[in-house]
């Protein structure tokens, strides 16, 4: 029999703050301003970390150590699962060296384990925007099967020119504001962050009630507009949790302000929830799209908001899109939430849904 798996601790460093509690407070206060990054002659909004260090590797070490320091002591044998879409590409860029992602991910994971004093098993995950939930899914499976009792899942996404140039070339970035589900949405804002989630077989306040990943092969840059595959993965997640759509109190959207992906997500939600739509919340307009780390970043931030019973409004939404016809939360709420669904839609077709349930 599979054991339940709990979200024992979270830690976070992003543009909005240096802990989950600080980030939740900033979100509640409506903070959503972004900095900038320049690519050639173009400038894009960007949510950067508040770190002065300019050497890429020293900056990464500083951020990761800072996040790990928010957690309790980690035994040296703690398994380490690392999620990123870019790993240490920024370091290779700074050194002027070519890079190979599989080699880079392996060498970076060894370095991170050394920084944290961990000598246990480790694994790296890099499947675009769902990397964090893929890593969490692997850790959950092993803990649930009784093969380990605890694990640290770490999401790392730090600034690099290759990522910015790639998204700019595909014209997926806005030069304005992130506007999820808004009629004026014209792209996303990237960001950087480090987040950690310690998962355990020991009971804690929240558990992973359901978690499923999947693939939509419609396009390399976006899902099928009808939302059918997104809906399939979400329904699988509900089934994994042995729950119905009516059991969900809140949905944390992927919604990053992408014209096609936002529409597909809205169509998927209508397939599942119909007229009984739970409250909808997007965090990316205030945190940035942190790509491979985004699932863990937004999970840590959301749980802190729910623990405080202070759910922020969705930044950037003002003008309804009649084709989407769904409306993210525009007012703050002090509602008590026991079950939250978190969706991720990744470039290249990756999909993931996680259902977090508060322990009675």
Protein backbone atom coordinates (compact mmCIF):
# COMPACT_ATOMS: atom_id res chain seq x y z
CA UNK A 1 0.00 0.00 0.00
CA UNK A 2 1.31 3.46 -0.90
CA UNK A 3 2.07 5.70 2.05
CA UNK A 4 0.84 9.30 2.16
CA UNK A 5 3.51 11.88 1.45
CA UNK A 6 3.58 15.24 3.20
CA UNK A 7 4.95 18.68 2.42
CA UNK A 8 7.05 19.01 5.55
CA UNK A 9 8.86 22.30 4.91
CA UNK A 10 9.25 24.91 2.19
CA UNK A 11 11.85 27.60 1.54
CA UNK A 12 11.98 30.31 -1.08
CA UNK A 13 14.07 33.14 -2.50
CA UNK A 14 12.60 35.17 -5.36
CA UNK A 15 12.00 38.73 -6.47
CA UNK A 16 9.24 39.18 -3.88
CA UNK A 17 11.17 38.09 -0.79
CA UNK A 18 13.61 35.82 1.01
CA UNK A 19 11.19 33.33 2.61
CA UNK A 20 7.73 31.92 1.87
CA UNK A 21 6.26 34.11 4.61
CA UNK A 22 7.89 37.25 3.23
CA UNK A 23 6.73 36.42 -0.28
CA UNK A 24 3.17 35.80 0.92
CA UNK A 25 3.19 39.17 2.66
CA UNK A 26 4.44 40.93 -0.48
CA UNK A 27 1.78 39.24 -2.61
CA UNK A 28 -0.92 40.23 -0.13
CA UNK A 29 0.29 43.83 -0.35
CA UNK A 30 0.02 43.75 -4.14
CA UNK A 31 3.73 44.04 -4.89
CA UNK A 32 4.33 43.12 -8.53
CA UNK A 33 6.97 45.50 -9.91
CA UNK A 34 9.66 43.99 -12.12
CA UNK A 35 13.19 45.00 -13.00
CA UNK A 36 14.70 44.80 -16.47
CA UNK A 37 17.12 42.75 -18.56
CA UNK A 38 18.64 43.88 -21.82
CA UNK A 39 19.17 41.70 -24.86
CA UNK A 40 21.00 43.56 -27.62
CA UNK A 41 18.99 46.70 -28.24
CA UNK A 42 15.84 45.36 -26.59
CA UNK A 43 14.84 45.58 -22.94
CA UNK A 44 12.43 43.19 -21.26
CA UNK A 45 10.78 43.20 -17.83
CA UNK A 46 12.43 40.65 -15.57
CA UNK A 47 11.97 39.47 -11.98
CA UNK A 48 15.52 39.16 -10.65
CA UNK A 49 16.84 38.04 -7.29
CA UNK A 50 17.92 40.76 -4.82
CA UNK A 51 21.57 39.66 -4.83
CA UNK A 52 24.53 41.94 -5.55
CA UNK A 53 27.00 39.18 -6.46
CA UNK A 54 27.91 39.26 -10.16
CA UNK A 55 29.89 36.02 -10.49
CA UNK A 56 27.27 33.52 -11.68
CA UNK A 57 28.48 30.50 -9.70
CA UNK A 58 29.09 32.40 -6.46
CA UNK A 59 25.66 33.98 -6.86
CA UNK A 60 24.09 30.53 -7.32
CA UNK A 61 25.85 29.23 -4.22
CA UNK A 62 24.73 32.23 -2.19
CA UNK A 63 21.08 31.81 -3.27
CA UNK A 64 20.99 28.04 -2.72
CA UNK A 65 22.68 28.24 0.69
CA UNK A 66 20.27 31.00 1.70
CA UNK A 67 17.27 28.85 0.78
CA UNK A 68 18.63 25.73 2.48
CA UNK A 69 19.26 27.80 5.61
CA UNK A 70 15.52 28.38 5.92
CA UNK A 71 15.00 24.65 6.50
CA UNK A 72 15.74 22.54 9.52
CA UNK A 73 18.95 20.48 9.67
CA UNK A 74 19.28 18.03 6.78
CA UNK A 75 20.96 14.67 7.48
CA UNK A 76 23.87 14.03 5.13
CA UNK A 77 22.10 11.03 3.61
CA UNK A 78 19.03 13.06 2.55
CA UNK A 79 18.18 12.31 -1.10
CA UNK A 80 18.38 15.39 -3.32
CA UNK A 81 16.12 16.01 -6.35
CA UNK A 82 17.06 19.06 -8.43
CA UNK A 83 14.80 20.75 -11.00
CA UNK A 84 15.89 23.37 -13.51
CA UNK A 85 15.41 24.19 -17.17
CA UNK A 86 18.84 25.80 -17.50
CA UNK A 87 21.05 24.53 -14.64
CA UNK A 88 24.44 26.31 -14.90
CA UNK A 89 24.19 27.63 -18.46
CA UNK A 90 24.73 31.15 -17.11
CA UNK A 91 28.09 30.07 -15.68
CA UNK A 92 29.25 28.68 -19.03
CA UNK A 93 28.11 31.87 -20.76
CA UNK A 94 30.11 33.98 -18.31
CA UNK A 95 33.20 31.80 -18.80
CA UNK A 96 32.80 31.82 -22.57
CA UNK A 97 32.67 28.04 -22.72
CA UNK A 98 30.33 25.76 -24.70
CA UNK A 99 27.87 23.79 -22.63
CA UNK A 100 26.11 20.45 -22.82
CA UNK A 101 22.94 20.27 -20.72
CA UNK A 102 23.15 16.62 -19.54
CA UNK A 103 26.76 17.10 -18.46
CA UNK A 104 25.96 20.50 -16.96
CA UNK A 105 23.07 19.12 -14.91
CA UNK A 106 25.19 16.29 -13.52
CA UNK A 107 28.12 18.50 -12.57
CA UNK A 108 25.85 21.18 -11.10
CA UNK A 109 23.98 18.65 -8.96
CA UNK A 110 27.29 17.43 -7.51
CA UNK A 111 28.27 20.99 -6.72
CA UNK A 112 24.92 21.74 -5.05
CA UNK A 113 25.13 18.58 -2.96
CA UNK A 114 28.57 19.70 -1.81
CA UNK A 115 27.31 23.16 -0.85
CA UNK A 116 24.55 21.57 1.24
CA UNK A 117 26.69 18.84 2.76
CA UNK A 118 24.54 16.08 1.25
CA UNK A 119 26.06 12.74 0.29
CA UNK A 120 22.89 10.76 -0.43
CA UNK A 121 21.30 9.83 -3.76
CA UNK A 122 20.58 12.68 -6.15
CA UNK A 123 18.70 13.12 -9.41
CA UNK A 124 18.26 16.00 -11.86
CA UNK A 125 15.11 16.90 -13.79
CA UNK A 126 14.92 19.23 -16.77
CA UNK A 127 11.66 19.09 -18.70
CA UNK A 128 10.94 22.78 -19.05
CA UNK A 129 8.28 24.38 -16.89
CA UNK A 130 7.10 21.16 -15.23
CA UNK A 131 10.58 20.19 -13.97
CA UNK A 132 9.74 21.03 -10.35
CA UNK A 133 6.63 18.86 -10.23
CA UNK A 134 8.43 16.06 -12.10
CA UNK A 135 11.10 16.05 -9.40
CA UNK A 136 8.43 16.18 -6.71
CA UNK A 137 6.57 13.31 -8.37
CA UNK A 138 9.70 11.13 -8.34
CA UNK A 139 10.39 11.87 -4.68
CA UNK A 140 6.76 11.24 -3.78
CA UNK A 141 6.75 7.89 -5.58
CA UNK A 142 9.85 6.66 -3.77
CA UNK A 143 8.65 7.82 -0.37
CA UNK A 144 5.18 6.41 -1.00
CA UNK A 145 6.70 3.04 -1.89
CA UNK A 146 8.68 2.99 1.34
CA UNK A 147 12.07 3.24 -0.41
CA UNK A 148 12.95 6.44 1.46
CA UNK A 149 11.38 8.48 4.24
CA UNK A 150 12.43 12.03 3.37
CA UNK A 151 13.81 13.97 0.43
CA UNK A 152 14.79 17.50 -0.50
CA UNK A 153 13.38 18.78 -3.80
CA UNK A 154 15.18 21.90 -5.01
CA UNK A 155 14.16 24.18 -7.88
CA UNK A 156 16.86 26.45 -9.31
CA UNK A 157 16.34 28.91 -12.15
CA UNK A 158 18.90 31.69 -12.50
CA UNK A 159 19.32 34.34 -15.17
CA UNK A 160 21.14 33.54 -18.39
CA UNK A 161 21.19 35.04 -21.87
CA UNK A 162 20.39 31.81 -23.72
CA UNK A 163 16.97 31.45 -22.09
CA UNK A 164 16.10 35.11 -22.58
CA UNK A 165 17.19 35.04 -26.22
CA UNK A 166 15.25 31.85 -26.93
CA UNK A 167 11.97 33.15 -25.54
CA UNK A 168 12.48 36.52 -27.21
CA UNK A 169 13.11 34.83 -30.57
CA UNK A 170 9.82 32.95 -30.25
CA UNK A 171 8.10 36.26 -29.42
CA UNK A 172 6.75 34.85 -26.18
CA UNK A 173 7.82 37.74 -23.93
CA UNK A 174 5.85 40.86 -23.17
CA UNK A 175 7.46 44.29 -23.08
CA UNK A 176 4.72 45.47 -20.76
CA UNK A 177 2.92 43.68 -17.90
CA UNK A 178 2.03 40.07 -17.32
CA UNK A 179 -1.74 39.91 -17.87
CA UNK A 180 -3.14 36.41 -17.21
CA UNK A 181 -6.48 35.66 -18.91
CA UNK A 182 -6.67 39.35 -19.85
CA UNK A 183 -7.82 40.48 -23.30
CA UNK A 184 -4.60 42.54 -23.66
CA UNK A 185 -2.18 39.74 -22.74
CA UNK A 186 0.80 39.57 -25.09
CA UNK A 187 3.36 37.35 -23.41
CA UNK A 188 5.05 36.46 -20.15
CA UNK A 189 7.73 37.94 -17.93
CA UNK A 190 10.62 35.68 -16.98
CA UNK A 191 12.09 35.55 -13.50
CA UNK A 192 14.67 33.77 -11.39
CA UNK A 193 14.20 31.99 -8.09
CA UNK A 194 15.38 29.18 -5.85
CA UNK A 195 12.81 27.13 -3.94
CA UNK A 196 13.01 24.03 -1.77
CA UNK A 197 10.36 21.58 -0.61
CA UNK A 198 11.16 18.89 1.93
CA UNK A 199 8.81 15.95 1.45
CA UNK A 200 8.38 13.27 4.08
CA UNK A 201 6.42 10.24 5.21
CA UNK A 202 6.04 11.94 8.60
CA UNK A 203 2.67 13.75 8.97
CA UNK A 204 2.71 17.51 8.40
CA UNK A 205 0.19 20.29 7.79
CA UNK A 206 -0.16 19.61 4.05
CA UNK A 207 0.02 16.44 1.99
CA UNK A 208 0.32 15.72 -1.71
CA UNK A 209 -3.11 14.25 -2.28
CA UNK A 210 -2.64 13.89 -6.04
CA UNK A 211 0.07 14.51 -8.60
CA UNK A 212 0.13 13.65 -12.27
CA UNK A 213 2.26 14.66 -15.26
CA UNK A 214 1.56 14.25 -18.96
CA UNK A 215 2.36 15.40 -22.46
CA UNK A 216 0.59 17.46 -25.10
CA UNK A 217 2.24 16.95 -28.47
CA UNK A 218 0.25 19.65 -30.26
CA UNK A 219 3.14 22.13 -30.61
CA UNK A 220 6.61 22.73 -29.23
CA UNK A 221 5.56 26.15 -27.94
CA UNK A 222 2.00 25.62 -26.75
CA UNK A 223 -0.78 23.16 -25.92
CA UNK A 224 -3.79 22.21 -28.01
CA UNK A 225 -6.13 25.22 -27.88
CA UNK A 226 -9.07 23.00 -26.94
CA UNK A 227 -7.38 22.16 -23.63
CA UNK A 228 -8.15 18.46 -23.94
CA UNK A 229 -4.78 17.12 -22.80
CA UNK A 230 -4.54 19.62 -19.96
CA UNK A 231 -7.96 18.45 -18.81
CA UNK A 232 -6.88 14.80 -19.05
CA UNK A 233 -3.91 15.36 -16.73
CA UNK A 234 -5.99 17.36 -14.25
CA UNK A 235 -8.67 14.66 -14.16
CA UNK A 236 -5.94 12.06 -13.61
CA UNK A 237 -4.70 14.14 -10.67
CA UNK A 238 -8.19 14.29 -9.17
CA UNK A 239 -8.51 10.54 -9.63
CA UNK A 240 -5.13 10.00 -7.96
CA UNK A 241 -6.44 11.98 -4.99
CA UNK A 242 -9.78 10.12 -5.06
CA UNK A 243 -11.57 13.45 -5.31
CA UNK A 244 -14.14 15.13 -7.52
CA UNK A 245 -14.00 18.57 -9.12
CA UNK A 246 -16.39 19.90 -6.47
CA UNK A 247 -13.83 19.15 -3.74
CA UNK A 248 -11.43 21.84 -4.96
CA UNK A 249 -11.41 25.15 -3.06
CA UNK A 250 -8.89 27.08 -5.20
CA UNK A 251 -7.00 26.70 -8.48
CA UNK A 252 -3.50 28.12 -8.88
CA UNK A 253 -3.36 28.71 -12.62
CA UNK A 254 -0.42 28.33 -14.95
CA UNK A 255 -1.67 31.54 -16.64
CA UNK A 256 1.44 33.54 -17.44
CA UNK A 257 -0.18 35.90 -19.95
CA UNK A 258 0.54 33.82 -23.07
CA UNK A 259 -2.23 34.24 -25.64
CA UNK A 260 -2.49 30.58 -26.64
CA UNK A 261 -1.64 28.79 -23.40
CA UNK A 262 -4.02 30.90 -21.32
CA UNK A 263 -6.88 30.09 -23.68
CA UNK A 264 -6.06 26.37 -23.65
CA UNK A 265 -5.97 26.34 -19.85
CA UNK A 266 -9.31 28.12 -19.65
CA UNK A 267 -10.87 25.61 -22.06
CA UNK A 268 -9.48 22.74 -19.98
CA UNK A 269 -10.94 24.13 -16.77
CA UNK A 270 -14.36 24.55 -18.38
CA UNK A 271 -14.27 20.91 -19.46
CA UNK A 272 -13.77 19.83 -15.86
CA UNK A 273 -15.55 22.37 -13.68
CA UNK A 274 -18.26 23.72 -15.99
CA UNK A 275 -20.26 26.41 -14.23
CA UNK A 276 -18.97 25.43 -10.78
CA UNK A 277 -15.58 27.09 -11.15
CA UNK A 278 -13.52 27.49 -7.97
CA UNK A 279 -11.66 30.77 -7.36
CA UNK A 280 -8.76 31.20 -9.81
CA UNK A 281 -5.38 32.69 -8.94
CA UNK A 282 -2.25 33.36 -11.00
CA UNK A 283 1.04 34.18 -9.25
CA UNK A 284 3.29 34.61 -12.29
CA UNK A 285 2.50 38.32 -12.89
CA UNK A 286 4.00 39.05 -9.46
CA UNK A 287 6.77 36.42 -9.32
CA UNK A 288 7.71 36.03 -12.97
CA UNK A 289 7.76 32.76 -14.86
CA UNK A 290 10.61 30.91 -13.18
CA UNK A 291 10.45 28.03 -15.68
CA UNK A 292 11.91 24.80 -14.25
CA UNK A 293 11.62 26.09 -10.69
CA UNK A 294 8.12 27.54 -11.11
CA UNK A 295 6.16 24.62 -9.68
CA UNK A 296 8.13 24.60 -6.43
CA UNK A 297 8.28 28.41 -6.26
CA UNK A 298 4.53 28.79 -6.59
CA UNK A 299 3.78 25.85 -4.30
CA UNK A 300 5.90 27.38 -1.52
CA UNK A 301 4.36 30.82 -2.01
CA UNK A 302 0.79 29.51 -2.21
CA UNK A 303 1.04 27.36 0.93
CA UNK A 304 2.35 30.34 2.87
CA UNK A 305 -0.63 32.39 1.66
CA UNK A 306 -3.07 29.63 2.60
CA UNK A 307 -1.50 29.10 6.03
CA UNK A 308 -1.98 32.81 6.73
CA UNK A 309 -5.49 32.72 5.20
CA UNK A 310 -4.52 35.71 3.08
CA UNK A 311 -4.98 34.93 -0.60
CA UNK A 312 -3.72 37.73 -2.85
CA UNK A 313 -5.43 39.20 -5.87
CA UNK A 314 -4.14 38.29 -9.32
CA UNK A 315 -1.92 41.10 -10.57
CA UNK A 316 -2.33 42.34 -14.12
CA UNK A 317 -5.91 41.27 -14.81
CA UNK A 318 -8.27 44.12 -15.72
CA UNK A 319 -10.02 43.48 -19.03
CA UNK A 320 -11.92 40.23 -19.56
CA UNK A 321 -11.31 38.25 -22.73
CA UNK A 322 -14.70 37.09 -24.07
CA UNK A 323 -13.08 34.02 -25.63
CA UNK A 324 -11.68 32.94 -22.25
CA UNK A 325 -14.67 34.13 -20.22
CA UNK A 326 -13.02 33.22 -16.91
CA UNK A 327 -11.95 35.70 -14.28
CA UNK A 328 -8.99 35.34 -11.91
CA UNK A 329 -9.38 36.74 -8.44
CA UNK A 330 -9.14 40.53 -8.51
CA UNK A 331 -9.87 41.00 -4.81
CA UNK A 332 -7.93 39.65 -1.86
CA UNK A 333 -9.56 36.92 0.21
CA UNK A 334 -9.29 35.57 3.74
CA UNK A 335 -11.08 32.34 2.82
CA UNK A 336 -10.00 29.08 4.44
CA UNK A 337 -8.74 26.65 1.79
CA UNK A 338 -8.34 22.93 2.46
CA UNK A 339 -7.67 21.71 -1.08
CA UNK A 340 -5.78 23.61 -3.75
CA UNK A 341 -5.09 22.49 -7.30
CA UNK A 342 -1.90 23.74 -8.94
CA UNK A 343 -1.47 23.52 -12.73
CA UNK A 344 1.67 23.74 -14.86
CA UNK A 345 1.87 23.92 -18.66
CA UNK A 346 5.36 23.56 -20.07
CA UNK A 347 7.07 24.42 -23.33
CA UNK A 348 7.63 21.32 -25.38
CA UNK A 349 4.29 19.89 -24.24
CA UNK A 350 4.86 18.99 -20.58
CA UNK A 351 1.81 19.17 -18.31
CA UNK A 352 1.43 18.70 -14.56
CA UNK A 353 -1.25 19.00 -11.90
CA UNK A 354 -0.76 18.77 -8.14
CA UNK A 355 -3.46 18.66 -5.49
CA UNK A 356 -2.37 19.85 -2.04
CA UNK A 357 -4.66 18.98 0.86
CA UNK A 358 -4.57 20.43 4.34
CA UNK A 359 -4.28 17.79 7.06
CA UNK A 360 -7.36 17.81 9.35
